[in-house]
Structures are given as structure tokens and as C-alpha cells.
Amino acid sequence: MARSSAYLNPEVIGRIAAIGFRAGQPMEGSVSGLHRSPLHGHSPEFADYRAYTPGDDLKGLDWRAFARSDRFYIKRFEEESNLRAWFIVDASASMRYGETTCKFDCAATAAASLAAVLLRQRDAVGAAAVSTVQKRELPHSGTPSQLMKLVELLETVELAGETDLGGAISTIADNLPRRGLVIVLSDLFTPLDRLYDALGKLQYSGHEIALFHVLHRDEVEMPFNDSVIFRDIEGTEELFAEPWSFRSAYRSAMETFMTTVRERCLYCGIDYVRLFTDEDLGSALTRFLHVRQQRGPARHRGRMSARPEDREEADDE
């Protein structure tokens, strides 16, 4: 089917623009912005004290601290920085699935909407559309024209090949110069071990990650009743089957798959958002941004390494 070009949805952007997008951890940007920076400078937000050393600017001396301790201390303040966001969108053949709205349409609209909000905040965004047969990239920029360049990339990308997010993300991670935000949008029909390793690589470099799991309702509920020929969109295999005979087992397997990915992300401090192609995208993104603001910085108990229970199960085998 022909993909929709309406990736800039004013209604969706209008609903999330008022909330804004704030980083959950300090970001290294090049201009002033809304996000905390690991650097220190002049700002209303007090950070900490450090001992005075000869040559320091005397304007930073805290005379009250001197009166209490008879020692010279310099007050340090947090700098506010702009955020660098990188959108990685799955452009494999499986993202074509869907009649009214395919999975890629949903992912592209979500990416464009969040990019519009970030650019409005003077943040910089970049993008990559990836599969096993292509990797089209748009370098970071915070200019007003960047949004249209991102939309043009999404509109012209060819949905072909298989899903190999792990390899693509690992390569991209090697070329990201500063810590920032990486947003991945995919159906996650990819080797998960390689994906987890790549996400761990991003975390090790200090990047914040959000994973949008984009699915069509058919893939979860298996609503077909008559005999059906199932075709592998990313390959050439075909299978004639009667869905009613295995629907219960299929639904259970899909629920296990989605729950396992979600728990793994939560364990490792990665935002996990499940998107269905038939749901209200504005409501889904609004919930995501509200949760981020209320939650504060995400906490993790490991950088996408196996959870303790996973290691125990592997040892038992």
C-alpha cells in the first residue's frame, strides 16, 4: 500500500508541545537549553561547593561558608544545555503491515511529532532509517528546516529487507560524539540478544534510551477465523494454516514476548512504550511525556545485562 505522507500531524504535535520533552539525565549540548548539563557554570540552579584555588574568579566565593568554616569555597551552578536526540526507525519490510495505517506510518508520525517538540525547545535532532539492506541517515541539527528534512527522509525511505536493529544501533553508537537521547521505533522482530547488547553499548556511553514497540493489533490478537496463507513479509516463506487451532498458544507467546521486553527495559532504566497502529497517537505520546516528568530520572539495576533470574535460568539449563 502507498504510505501516508501526513507524518506531521498538527493535532498530535499540539497536544504534546505544551508538555515538552525533558531529559532524565544530564546532557552535553552546544547551546543553552532546558536540560541539565554535567558541566558547571553560571545558572540559578546551585550544584555544590569546591575548594578555592588561586586564580579562581572571586565572584564565586561564598562568604557565608567562609564565616562558618574559615575556609574559602567556590559555589558551582549547573549549566542548562540543549539535548541531542537521535531517532532510529525500523525500515524493514515487516513495518509495511497494516491497511489503513501501517506500522511504519505510526512510527514515523511519532518520530516526527517528538522531533517537532524537541526542535521547538532548541534541541538538535538526527535520524536513521535502518534495515538489513539500507541505512539512511540525517545528521544532527537544531535548525528550523531540520523537521522537514526528517519528514522527507521518512517519506522517501524504502521499506525492504529484514530487521537487524542490533547491528544498526551498534554502528550508530560508535559515531555519536556526545551523550544524548536515543529513541528507537520498531516492531522488534529482530534478534533480541543483539539488540540488548547494542542498547547496553549506548547506555555505557551515557545515552538515555526510549524504546517504542510498534505493533499492529492483528499481530497480537490473531483475529483470523478462516483458513489463511501466512506470508513472510521479510522473506519468501508461506504457510497455510487454520488460526483457530493455535490462536491460544500464539497469543500466549506474543504476550510473553512483549512482557519480557518490557520487563528487561524497566530493569535497565530504559523507557518502554507500546504503540498500536489503531490507537490515538496523541494520547499515547501524552502519557509517555507525563510519566517521564512525574517519574524523574530513570533508574536501572544493570546496563541491559542479563537479569539475575535470567542468569539462573541459563545456569539451570
C-alpha atoms as a PDB file:
ATOM      1  CA  MET A   1       0.000   0.000   0.000  1.00  0.00           C
ATOM      2  CA  ALA A   2       1.096   3.598  -0.505  1.00  0.00           C
ATOM      3  CA  ARG A   3       2.338   5.109   2.701  1.00  0.00           C
ATOM      4  CA  SER A   4       0.702   8.248   4.039  1.00  0.00           C
ATOM      5  CA  SER A   5       2.726  11.458   3.822  1.00  0.00           C
ATOM      6  CA  ALA A   6       0.871  13.086   6.726  1.00  0.00           C
ATOM      7  CA  TYR A   7       3.616  12.428   9.261  1.00  0.00           C
ATOM      8  CA  LEU A   8       3.295  15.966  10.612  1.00  0.00           C
ATOM      9  CA  ASN A   9       0.008  15.775  12.472  1.00  0.00           C
ATOM     10  CA  PRO A  10      -0.830  19.221  13.965  1.00  0.00           C
ATOM     11  CA  GLU A  11      -3.307  17.698  16.420  1.00  0.00           C
ATOM     12  CA  VAL A  12      -0.719  15.294  17.854  1.00  0.00           C
ATOM     13  CA  ILE A  13       2.028  17.930  17.967  1.00  0.00           C
ATOM     14  CA  GLY A  14      -0.300  20.456  19.609  1.00  0.00           C
ATOM     15  CA  ARG A  15      -1.219  18.020  22.387  1.00  0.00           C
ATOM     16  CA  ILE A  16       2.367  17.197  23.336  1.00  0.00           C
ATOM     17  CA  ALA A  17       4.007  20.589  22.710  1.00  0.00           C
ATOM     18  CA  ALA A  18       2.584  22.045  25.929  1.00  0.00           C
ATOM     19  CA  ILE A  19       4.155  19.214  27.953  1.00  0.00           C
ATOM     20  CA  GLY A  20       7.605  19.410  26.418  1.00  0.00           C
ATOM     21  CA  PHE A  21      10.381  16.846  26.489  1.00  0.00           C
ATOM     22  CA  ARG A  22      12.961  16.991  29.255  1.00  0.00           C
ATOM     23  CA  ALA A  23      15.948  14.707  29.541  1.00  0.00           C
ATOM     24  CA  GLY A  24      16.053  12.433  32.566  1.00  0.00           C
ATOM     25  CA  GLN A  25      19.807  12.796  32.969  1.00  0.00           C
ATOM     26  CA  PRO A  26      22.433  15.485  32.288  1.00  0.00           C
ATOM     27  CA  MET A  27      23.026  16.164  28.600  1.00  0.00           C
ATOM     28  CA  GLU A  28      26.066  17.519  26.767  1.00  0.00           C
ATOM     29  CA  GLY A  29      24.799  20.125  24.311  1.00  0.00           C
ATOM     30  CA  SER A  30      26.360  23.023  22.462  1.00  0.00           C
ATOM     31  CA  VAL A  31      23.905  25.827  23.301  1.00  0.00           C
ATOM     32  CA  SER A  32      21.755  26.766  26.262  1.00  0.00           C
ATOM     33  CA  GLY A  33      18.506  24.858  26.607  1.00  0.00           C
ATOM     34  CA  LEU A  34      16.109  23.172  29.006  1.00  0.00           C
ATOM     35  CA  HIS A  35      18.158  20.200  30.174  1.00  0.00           C
ATOM     36  CA  ARG A  36      20.659  19.686  32.968  1.00  0.00           C
ATOM     37  CA  SER A  37      24.280  19.513  31.885  1.00  0.00           C
ATOM     38  CA  PRO A  38      27.205  17.644  33.507  1.00  0.00           C
ATOM     39  CA  LEU A  39      29.166  20.867  33.064  1.00  0.00           C
ATOM     40  CA  HIS A  40      29.108  23.727  35.554  1.00  0.00           C
ATOM     41  CA  GLY A  41      28.752  27.449  35.020  1.00  0.00           C
ATOM     42  CA  HIS A  42      26.503  30.355  35.954  1.00  0.00           C
ATOM     43  CA  SER A  43      22.874  29.416  36.463  1.00  0.00           C
ATOM     44  CA  PRO A  44      20.163  29.849  39.119  1.00  0.00           C
ATOM     45  CA  GLU A  45      20.465  26.104  39.921  1.00  0.00           C
ATOM     46  CA  PHE A  46      23.043  25.539  42.695  1.00  0.00           C
ATOM     47  CA  ALA A  47      25.108  22.351  42.284  1.00  0.00           C
ATOM     48  CA  ASP A  48      27.764  22.104  45.018  1.00  0.00           C
ATOM     49  CA  TYR A  49      30.906  23.635  46.550  1.00  0.00           C
ATOM     50  CA  ARG A  50      34.554  23.140  45.754  1.00  0.00           C
ATOM     51  CA  ALA A  51      37.666  24.446  47.480  1.00  0.00           C
ATOM     52  CA  TYR A  52      39.061  27.758  46.262  1.00  0.00           C
ATOM     53  CA  THR A  53      42.310  27.583  44.305  1.00  0.00           C
ATOM     54  CA  PRO A  54      44.469  30.583  43.341  1.00  0.00           C
ATOM     55  CA  GLY A  55      43.288  32.086  40.084  1.00  0.00           C
ATOM     56  CA  ASP A  56      39.572  31.351  40.601  1.00  0.00           C
ATOM     57  CA  ASP A  57      37.129  34.184  39.988  1.00  0.00           C
ATOM     58  CA  LEU A  58      36.483  35.878  43.363  1.00  0.00           C
ATOM     59  CA  LYS A  59      32.868  36.476  42.346  1.00  0.00           C
ATOM     60  CA  GLY A  60      32.205  32.788  43.022  1.00  0.00           C
ATOM     61  CA  LEU A  61      33.365  32.888  46.662  1.00  0.00           C
ATOM     62  CA  ASP A  62      30.725  32.042  49.256  1.00  0.00           C
ATOM     63  CA  TRP A  63      31.381  34.406  52.158  1.00  0.00           C
ATOM     64  CA  ARG A  64      28.810  32.720  54.381  1.00  0.00           C
ATOM     65  CA  ALA A  65      30.655  29.434  54.026  1.00  0.00           C
ATOM     66  CA  PHE A  66      33.883  31.286  54.866  1.00  0.00           C
ATOM     67  CA  ALA A  67      32.299  32.745  58.008  1.00  0.00           C
ATOM     68  CA  ARG A  68      31.245  29.272  59.159  1.00  0.00           C
ATOM     69  CA  SER A  69      34.420  27.356  58.326  1.00  0.00           C
ATOM     70  CA  ASP A  70      37.162  29.982  57.948  1.00  0.00           C
ATOM     71  CA  ARG A  71      37.907  28.430  54.563  1.00  0.00           C
ATOM     72  CA  PHE A  72      37.321  29.696  51.035  1.00  0.00           C
ATOM     73  CA  TYR A  73      34.797  27.829  48.902  1.00  0.00           C
ATOM     74  CA  ILE A  74      33.548  28.423  45.360  1.00  0.00           C
ATOM     75  CA  LYS A  75      29.857  27.909  44.622  1.00  0.00           C
ATOM     76  CA  ARG A  76      29.179  25.874  41.484  1.00  0.00           C
ATOM     77  CA  PHE A  77      25.991  26.009  39.470  1.00  0.00           C
ATOM     78  CA  GLU A  78      24.512  23.650  36.920  1.00  0.00           C
ATOM     79  CA  GLU A  79      24.577  24.750  33.316  1.00  0.00           C
ATOM     80  CA  GLU A  80      21.464  24.151  31.283  1.00  0.00           C
ATOM     81  CA  SER A  81      22.095  22.519  27.936  1.00  0.00           C
ATOM     82  CA  ASN A  82      20.319  21.561  24.760  1.00  0.00           C
ATOM     83  CA  LEU A  83      19.638  17.897  24.071  1.00  0.00           C
ATOM     84  CA  ARG A  84      20.804  15.864  21.093  1.00  0.00           C
ATOM     85  CA  ALA A  85      18.148  13.336  20.117  1.00  0.00           C
ATOM     86  CA  TRP A  86      18.638  10.551  17.613  1.00  0.00           C
ATOM     87  CA  PHE A  87      15.639   8.733  16.125  1.00  0.00           C
ATOM     88  CA  ILE A  88      16.282   5.198  14.877  1.00  0.00           C
ATOM     89  CA  VAL A  89      13.298   3.995  12.838  1.00  0.00           C
ATOM     90  CA  ASP A  90      12.897   0.403  11.676  1.00  0.00           C
ATOM     91  CA  ALA A  91      12.533   0.451   7.868  1.00  0.00           C
ATOM     92  CA  SER A  92      12.356  -3.311   7.319  1.00  0.00           C
ATOM     93  CA  ALA A  93       9.660  -4.948   5.204  1.00  0.00           C
ATOM     94  CA  SER A  94       7.680  -6.081   8.262  1.00  0.00           C
ATOM     95  CA  MET A  95       6.898  -2.437   9.054  1.00  0.00           C
ATOM     96  CA  ARG A  96       4.667  -2.345   5.939  1.00  0.00           C
ATOM     97  CA  TYR A  97       1.971  -4.408   7.658  1.00  0.00           C
ATOM     98  CA  GLY A  98      -1.389  -2.668   8.068  1.00  0.00           C
ATOM     99  CA  GLU A  99      -4.138  -1.447   5.791  1.00  0.00           C
ATOM    100  CA  THR A 100      -5.346   1.968   6.971  1.00  0.00           C
ATOM    101  CA  THR A 101      -2.191   2.775   8.946  1.00  0.00           C
ATOM    102  CA  CYS A 102       0.860   0.551   8.670  1.00  0.00           C
ATOM    103  CA  LYS A 103       3.389   0.181  11.455  1.00  0.00           C
ATOM    104  CA  PHE A 104       5.886   2.449   9.721  1.00  0.00           C
ATOM    105  CA  ASP A 105       3.264   5.209   9.428  1.00  0.00           C
ATOM    106  CA  CYS A 106       2.704   5.034  13.181  1.00  0.00           C
ATOM    107  CA  ALA A 107       6.434   5.036  13.962  1.00  0.00           C
ATOM    108  CA  ALA A 108       7.178   7.865  11.510  1.00  0.00           C
ATOM    109  CA  THR A 109       4.371  10.064  12.854  1.00  0.00           C
ATOM    110  CA  ALA A 110       5.548   9.501  16.426  1.00  0.00           C
ATOM    111  CA  ALA A 111       9.139  10.361  15.470  1.00  0.00           C
ATOM    112  CA  ALA A 112       8.141  13.493  13.554  1.00  0.00           C
ATOM    113  CA  SER A 113       5.867  14.685  16.380  1.00  0.00           C
ATOM    114  CA  LEU A 114       8.530  14.270  19.064  1.00  0.00           C
ATOM    115  CA  ALA A 115      11.140  15.856  16.783  1.00  0.00           C
ATOM    116  CA  ALA A 116       8.879  18.891  16.301  1.00  0.00           C
ATOM    117  CA  VAL A 117       8.666  19.360  20.083  1.00  0.00           C
ATOM    118  CA  LEU A 118      12.407  18.958  20.571  1.00  0.00           C
ATOM    119  CA  LEU A 119      13.270  21.443  17.819  1.00  0.00           C
ATOM    120  CA  ARG A 120      10.815  23.931  19.313  1.00  0.00           C
ATOM    121  CA  GLN A 121      12.868  23.685  22.525  1.00  0.00           C
ATOM    122  CA  ARG A 122      16.083  24.497  20.588  1.00  0.00           C
ATOM    123  CA  ASP A 123      17.226  20.888  20.842  1.00  0.00           C
ATOM    124  CA  ALA A 124      19.023  19.119  17.997  1.00  0.00           C
ATOM    125  CA  VAL A 125      17.649  16.012  16.290  1.00  0.00           C
ATOM    126  CA  GLY A 126      19.006  13.453  13.860  1.00  0.00           C
ATOM    127  CA  ALA A 127      17.527  10.302  12.380  1.00  0.00           C
ATOM    128  CA  ALA A 128      18.322   6.977  10.783  1.00  0.00           C
ATOM    129  CA  ALA A 129      16.031   4.586   8.905  1.00  0.00           C
ATOM    130  CA  VAL A 130      17.548   1.115   9.034  1.00  0.00           C
ATOM    131  CA  SER A 131      17.138  -2.451   7.798  1.00  0.00           C
ATOM    132  CA  THR A 132      19.466  -5.166   6.516  1.00  0.00           C
ATOM    133  CA  VAL A 133      19.530  -3.583   3.036  1.00  0.00           C
ATOM    134  CA  GLN A 134      19.813   0.101   3.882  1.00  0.00           C
ATOM    135  CA  LYS A 135      20.739   2.749   6.432  1.00  0.00           C
ATOM    136  CA  ARG A 136      19.712   6.260   5.554  1.00  0.00           C
ATOM    137  CA  GLU A 137      20.862   8.927   7.988  1.00  0.00           C
ATOM    138  CA  LEU A 138      20.149  12.572   8.711  1.00  0.00           C
ATOM    139  CA  PRO A 139      22.908  14.294  10.750  1.00  0.00           C
ATOM    140  CA  HIS A 140      22.048  16.216  13.910  1.00  0.00           C
ATOM    141  CA  SER A 141      20.833  19.772  13.562  1.00  0.00           C
ATOM    142  CA  GLY A 142      18.711  22.206  15.522  1.00  0.00           C
ATOM    143  CA  THR A 143      17.734  24.446  12.605  1.00  0.00           C
ATOM    144  CA  PRO A 144      14.029  25.018  11.809  1.00  0.00           C
ATOM    145  CA  SER A 145      14.447  23.267   8.448  1.00  0.00           C
ATOM    146  CA  GLN A 146      15.560  20.055  10.153  1.00  0.00           C
ATOM    147  CA  LEU A 147      11.994  18.913  10.727  1.00  0.00           C
ATOM    148  CA  MET A 148      11.142  18.965   7.026  1.00  0.00           C
ATOM    149  CA  LYS A 149      14.377  17.129   6.221  1.00  0.00           C
ATOM    150  CA  LEU A 150      13.445  14.428   8.736  1.00  0.00           C
ATOM    151  CA  VAL A 151       9.955  14.093   7.270  1.00  0.00           C
ATOM    152  CA  GLU A 152      11.404  13.904   3.759  1.00  0.00           C
ATOM    153  CA  LEU A 153      13.709  11.070   4.826  1.00  0.00           C
ATOM    154  CA  LEU A 154      10.773   9.160   6.345  1.00  0.00           C
ATOM    155  CA  GLU A 155       8.575   9.714   3.300  1.00  0.00           C
ATOM    156  CA  THR A 156      11.151   8.528   0.781  1.00  0.00           C
ATOM    157  CA  VAL A 157      12.658   5.544   2.588  1.00  0.00           C
ATOM    158  CA  GLU A 158      12.014   2.140   1.025  1.00  0.00           C
ATOM    159  CA  LEU A 159      10.590  -0.474   3.397  1.00  0.00           C
ATOM    160  CA  ALA A 160      12.604  -3.544   2.481  1.00  0.00           C
ATOM    161  CA  GLY A 161      14.892  -6.164   3.966  1.00  0.00           C
ATOM    162  CA  GLU A 162      14.895  -7.787   7.380  1.00  0.00           C
ATOM    163  CA  THR A 163      15.112  -6.250  10.826  1.00  0.00           C
ATOM    164  CA  ASP A 164      18.621  -6.077  12.324  1.00  0.00           C
ATOM    165  CA  LEU A 165      18.380  -3.370  14.948  1.00  0.00           C
ATOM    166  CA  GLY A 166      21.286  -4.674  16.991  1.00  0.00           C
ATOM    167  CA  GLY A 167      23.859  -4.229  14.236  1.00  0.00           C
ATOM    168  CA  ALA A 168      22.494  -0.850  13.125  1.00  0.00           C
ATOM    169  CA  ILE A 169      22.330   0.588  16.642  1.00  0.00           C
ATOM    170  CA  SER A 170      25.818  -0.665  17.474  1.00  0.00           C
ATOM    171  CA  THR A 171      27.239   1.100  14.412  1.00  0.00           C
ATOM    172  CA  ILE A 172      25.373   4.313  15.197  1.00  0.00           C
ATOM    173  CA  ALA A 173      26.571   4.196  18.816  1.00  0.00           C
ATOM    174  CA  ASP A 174      30.193   4.291  17.614  1.00  0.00           C
ATOM    175  CA  ASN A 175      29.552   7.590  15.820  1.00  0.00           C
ATOM    176  CA  LEU A 176      27.597   9.545  18.446  1.00  0.00           C
ATOM    177  CA  PRO A 177      30.111  12.057  19.859  1.00  0.00           C
ATOM    178  CA  ARG A 178      28.188  13.210  22.949  1.00  0.00           C
ATOM    179  CA  ARG A 179      25.735  11.737  25.357  1.00  0.00           C
ATOM    180  CA  GLY A 180      22.154  12.327  24.326  1.00  0.00           C
ATOM    181  CA  LEU A 181      18.766  10.700  23.844  1.00  0.00           C
ATOM    182  CA  VAL A 182      18.246   7.749  21.502  1.00  0.00           C
ATOM    183  CA  ILE A 183      14.662   6.876  20.534  1.00  0.00           C
ATOM    184  CA  VAL A 184      14.163   3.512  18.817  1.00  0.00           C
ATOM    185  CA  LEU A 185      10.896   2.787  16.984  1.00  0.00           C
ATOM    186  CA  SER A 186      10.398  -0.784  15.762  1.00  0.00           C
ATOM    187  CA  ASP A 187       8.197  -3.884  15.894  1.00  0.00           C
ATOM    188  CA  LEU A 188      11.231  -5.608  17.499  1.00  0.00           C
ATOM    189  CA  PHE A 189      11.009  -8.666  15.252  1.00  0.00           C
ATOM    190  CA  THR A 190      14.773  -8.888  15.462  1.00  0.00           C
ATOM    191  CA  PRO A 191      17.365 -10.997  17.326  1.00  0.00           C
ATOM    192  CA  LEU A 192      16.830  -9.665  20.841  1.00  0.00           C
ATOM    193  CA  ASP A 193      20.233 -10.628  22.252  1.00  0.00           C
ATOM    194  CA  ARG A 194      21.968  -8.459  19.655  1.00  0.00           C
ATOM    195  CA  LEU A 195      19.519  -5.624  20.352  1.00  0.00           C
ATOM    196  CA  TYR A 196      20.149  -5.823  24.102  1.00  0.00           C
ATOM    197  CA  ASP A 197      23.917  -5.739  23.553  1.00  0.00           C
ATOM    198  CA  ALA A 198      23.602  -2.663  21.320  1.00  0.00           C
ATOM    199  CA  LEU A 199      21.371  -0.843  23.808  1.00  0.00           C
ATOM    200  CA  GLY A 200      23.859  -1.684  26.549  1.00  0.00           C
ATOM    201  CA  LYS A 201      26.571  -0.113  24.414  1.00  0.00           C
ATOM    202  CA  LEU A 202      24.545   3.096  24.226  1.00  0.00           C
ATOM    203  CA  GLN A 203      23.996   3.102  27.983  1.00  0.00           C
ATOM    204  CA  TYR A 204      27.694   2.553  28.635  1.00  0.00           C
ATOM    205  CA  SER A 205      28.361   5.756  26.661  1.00  0.00           C
ATOM    206  CA  GLY A 206      25.877   7.663  28.829  1.00  0.00           C
ATOM    207  CA  HIS A 207      22.961   7.897  26.416  1.00  0.00           C
ATOM    208  CA  GLU A 208      19.359   7.908  27.567  1.00  0.00           C
ATOM    209  CA  ILE A 209      17.119   5.473  25.663  1.00  0.00           C
ATOM    210  CA  ALA A 210      13.417   5.223  24.842  1.00  0.00           C
ATOM    211  CA  LEU A 211      12.099   2.133  23.056  1.00  0.00           C
ATOM    212  CA  PHE A 212       8.810   2.391  21.153  1.00  0.00           C
ATOM    213  CA  HIS A 213       7.399  -1.058  20.423  1.00  0.00           C
ATOM    214  CA  VAL A 214       5.130  -0.534  17.397  1.00  0.00           C
ATOM    215  CA  LEU A 215       2.648  -3.331  16.669  1.00  0.00           C
ATOM    216  CA  HIS A 216      -0.488  -3.993  14.638  1.00  0.00           C
ATOM    217  CA  ARG A 217      -3.415  -5.399  16.594  1.00  0.00           C
ATOM    218  CA  ASP A 218      -3.540  -8.461  14.291  1.00  0.00           C
ATOM    219  CA  GLU A 219      -0.033  -9.447  15.379  1.00  0.00           C
ATOM    220  CA  VAL A 220      -1.128  -9.692  18.985  1.00  0.00           C
ATOM    221  CA  GLU A 221      -4.697 -10.976  18.794  1.00  0.00           C
ATOM    222  CA  MET A 222      -4.577 -13.246  15.680  1.00  0.00           C
ATOM    223  CA  PRO A 223      -8.231 -12.430  14.795  1.00  0.00           C
ATOM    224  CA  PHE A 224      -8.445 -14.636  11.688  1.00  0.00           C
ATOM    225  CA  ASN A 225     -11.047 -17.406  11.679  1.00  0.00           C
ATOM    226  CA  ASP A 226     -10.894 -18.960   8.219  1.00  0.00           C
ATOM    227  CA  SER A 227      -8.007 -20.876   6.716  1.00  0.00           C
ATOM    228  CA  VAL A 228      -5.253 -18.422   5.819  1.00  0.00           C
ATOM    229  CA  ILE A 229      -1.997 -18.402   3.886  1.00  0.00           C
ATOM    230  CA  PHE A 230       0.600 -16.591   6.005  1.00  0.00           C
ATOM    231  CA  ARG A 231       3.422 -14.982   4.022  1.00  0.00           C
ATOM    232  CA  ASP A 232       6.728 -13.861   5.466  1.00  0.00           C
ATOM    233  CA  ILE A 233       6.932 -10.166   4.519  1.00  0.00           C
ATOM    234  CA  GLU A 234      10.692 -10.112   5.044  1.00  0.00           C
ATOM    235  CA  GLY A 235      11.328 -13.417   3.245  1.00  0.00           C
ATOM    236  CA  THR A 236       9.751 -15.867   0.792  1.00  0.00           C
ATOM    237  CA  GLU A 237       8.210 -18.481   3.083  1.00  0.00           C
ATOM    238  CA  GLU A 238       4.493 -19.258   3.028  1.00  0.00           C
ATOM    239  CA  LEU A 239       2.414 -21.296   5.452  1.00  0.00           C
ATOM    240  CA  PHE A 240      -1.162 -22.492   5.045  1.00  0.00           C
ATOM    241  CA  ALA A 241      -2.840 -22.771   8.468  1.00  0.00           C
ATOM    242  CA  GLU A 242      -6.091 -22.650  10.382  1.00  0.00           C
ATOM    243  CA  PRO A 243      -5.582 -19.911  13.018  1.00  0.00           C
ATOM    244  CA  TRP A 244      -8.264 -21.216  15.394  1.00  0.00           C
ATOM    245  CA  SER A 245      -6.129 -24.306  16.037  1.00  0.00           C
ATOM    246  CA  PHE A 246      -3.178 -22.394  17.507  1.00  0.00           C
ATOM    247  CA  ARG A 247      -4.644 -18.969  18.419  1.00  0.00           C
ATOM    248  CA  SER A 248      -4.407 -19.510  22.182  1.00  0.00           C
ATOM    249  CA  ALA A 249      -0.769 -20.651  22.057  1.00  0.00           C
ATOM    250  CA  TYR A 250       0.135 -17.788  19.687  1.00  0.00           C
ATOM    251  CA  ARG A 251      -1.435 -15.141  21.920  1.00  0.00           C
ATOM    252  CA  SER A 252       0.366 -16.564  24.937  1.00  0.00           C
ATOM    253  CA  ALA A 253       3.701 -16.484  23.097  1.00  0.00           C
ATOM    254  CA  MET A 254       3.167 -12.881  21.965  1.00  0.00           C
ATOM    255  CA  GLU A 255       2.219 -11.774  25.476  1.00  0.00           C
ATOM    256  CA  THR A 256       5.356 -13.434  26.835  1.00  0.00           C
ATOM    257  CA  PHE A 257       7.448 -11.705  24.163  1.00  0.00           C
ATOM    258  CA  MET A 258       6.042  -8.243  24.913  1.00  0.00           C
ATOM    259  CA  THR A 259       6.196  -8.694  28.696  1.00  0.00           C
ATOM    260  CA  THR A 260       9.773  -9.946  28.588  1.00  0.00           C
ATOM    261  CA  VAL A 261      10.973  -6.958  26.538  1.00  0.00           C
ATOM    262  CA  ARG A 262       9.091  -4.516  28.779  1.00  0.00           C
ATOM    263  CA  GLU A 263      10.488  -6.006  31.990  1.00  0.00           C
ATOM    264  CA  ARG A 264      14.004  -6.063  30.588  1.00  0.00           C
ATOM    265  CA  CYS A 265      13.753  -2.372  29.697  1.00  0.00           C
ATOM    266  CA  LEU A 266      12.321  -1.376  33.072  1.00  0.00           C
ATOM    267  CA  TYR A 267      15.019  -3.369  34.852  1.00  0.00           C
ATOM    268  CA  CYS A 268      17.694  -1.492  32.923  1.00  0.00           C
ATOM    269  CA  GLY A 269      16.169   2.001  33.159  1.00  0.00           C
ATOM    270  CA  ILE A 270      15.017   2.226  29.539  1.00  0.00           C
ATOM    271  CA  ASP A 271      11.656   3.806  28.689  1.00  0.00           C
ATOM    272  CA  TYR A 272       9.375   1.238  27.061  1.00  0.00           C
ATOM    273  CA  VAL A 273       6.288   2.422  25.162  1.00  0.00           C
ATOM    274  CA  ARG A 274       3.934   0.048  23.350  1.00  0.00           C
ATOM    275  CA  LEU A 275       2.164   1.628  20.371  1.00  0.00           C
ATOM    276  CA  PHE A 276      -0.650   0.043  18.384  1.00  0.00           C
ATOM    277  CA  THR A 277      -1.379   1.360  14.922  1.00  0.00           C
ATOM    278  CA  ASP A 278      -5.094   1.809  15.674  1.00  0.00           C
ATOM    279  CA  GLU A 279      -4.757   3.766  18.923  1.00  0.00           C
ATOM    280  CA  ASP A 280      -4.821   7.518  19.481  1.00  0.00           C
ATOM    281  CA  LEU A 281      -1.176   8.504  18.997  1.00  0.00           C
ATOM    282  CA  GLY A 282      -1.655  11.865  20.707  1.00  0.00           C
ATOM    283  CA  SER A 283      -2.908  10.163  23.884  1.00  0.00           C
ATOM    284  CA  ALA A 284      -0.080   7.607  23.837  1.00  0.00           C
ATOM    285  CA  LEU A 285       2.644  10.255  23.486  1.00  0.00           C
ATOM    286  CA  THR A 286       0.988  12.462  26.107  1.00  0.00           C
ATOM    287  CA  ARG A 287       1.031   9.575  28.619  1.00  0.00           C
ATOM    288  CA  PHE A 288       4.679   8.904  27.801  1.00  0.00           C
ATOM    289  CA  LEU A 289       5.755  12.510  28.398  1.00  0.00           C
ATOM    290  CA  HIS A 290       3.666  12.866  31.569  1.00  0.00           C
ATOM    291  CA  VAL A 291       5.149   9.674  33.010  1.00  0.00           C
ATOM    292  CA  ARG A 292       8.682  10.919  32.289  1.00  0.00           C
ATOM    293  CA  GLN A 293       8.040  14.200  34.067  1.00  0.00           C
ATOM    294  CA  GLN A 294       6.426  12.625  37.109  1.00  0.00           C
ATOM    295  CA  ARG A 295       8.961   9.829  37.397  1.00  0.00           C
ATOM    296  CA  GLY A 296      12.141  11.840  37.146  1.00  0.00           C
ATOM    297  CA  PRO A 297      15.431  10.199  36.139  1.00  0.00           C
ATOM    298  CA  ALA A 298      15.071   6.534  35.196  1.00  0.00           C
ATOM    299  CA  ARG A 299      16.899   4.123  37.487  1.00  0.00           C
ATOM    300  CA  HIS A 300      18.492   0.907  36.362  1.00  0.00           C
ATOM    301  CA  ARG A 301      19.893  -2.180  38.076  1.00  0.00           C
ATOM    302  CA  GLY A 302      22.137  -3.163  35.189  1.00  0.00           C
ATOM    303  CA  ARG A 303      23.044  -1.912  31.738  1.00  0.00           C
ATOM    304  CA  MET A 304      20.980  -4.330  29.631  1.00  0.00           C
ATOM    305  CA  SER A 305      22.955  -7.243  31.077  1.00  0.00           C
ATOM    306  CA  ALA A 306      21.024 -10.380  31.945  1.00  0.00           C
ATOM    307  CA  ARG A 307      18.821 -10.034  34.990  1.00  0.00           C
ATOM    308  CA  PRO A 308      19.693 -12.305  37.940  1.00  0.00           C
ATOM    309  CA  GLU A 309      16.730 -14.596  37.208  1.00  0.00           C
ATOM    310  CA  ASP A 310      17.784 -14.844  33.556  1.00  0.00           C
ATOM    311  CA  ARG A 311      21.265 -15.954  34.550  1.00  0.00           C
ATOM    312  CA  GLU A 312      19.865 -18.509  36.976  1.00  0.00           C
ATOM    313  CA  GLU A 313      17.647 -19.986  34.245  1.00  0.00           C
ATOM    314  CA  ALA A 314      20.632 -20.201  31.884  1.00  0.00           C
ATOM    315  CA  ASP A 315      22.707 -21.954  34.559  1.00  0.00           C
ATOM    316  CA  ASP A 316      19.921 -24.459  35.188  1.00  0.00           C
ATOM    317  CA  GLU A 317      19.860 -25.355  31.500  1.00  0.00           C
END
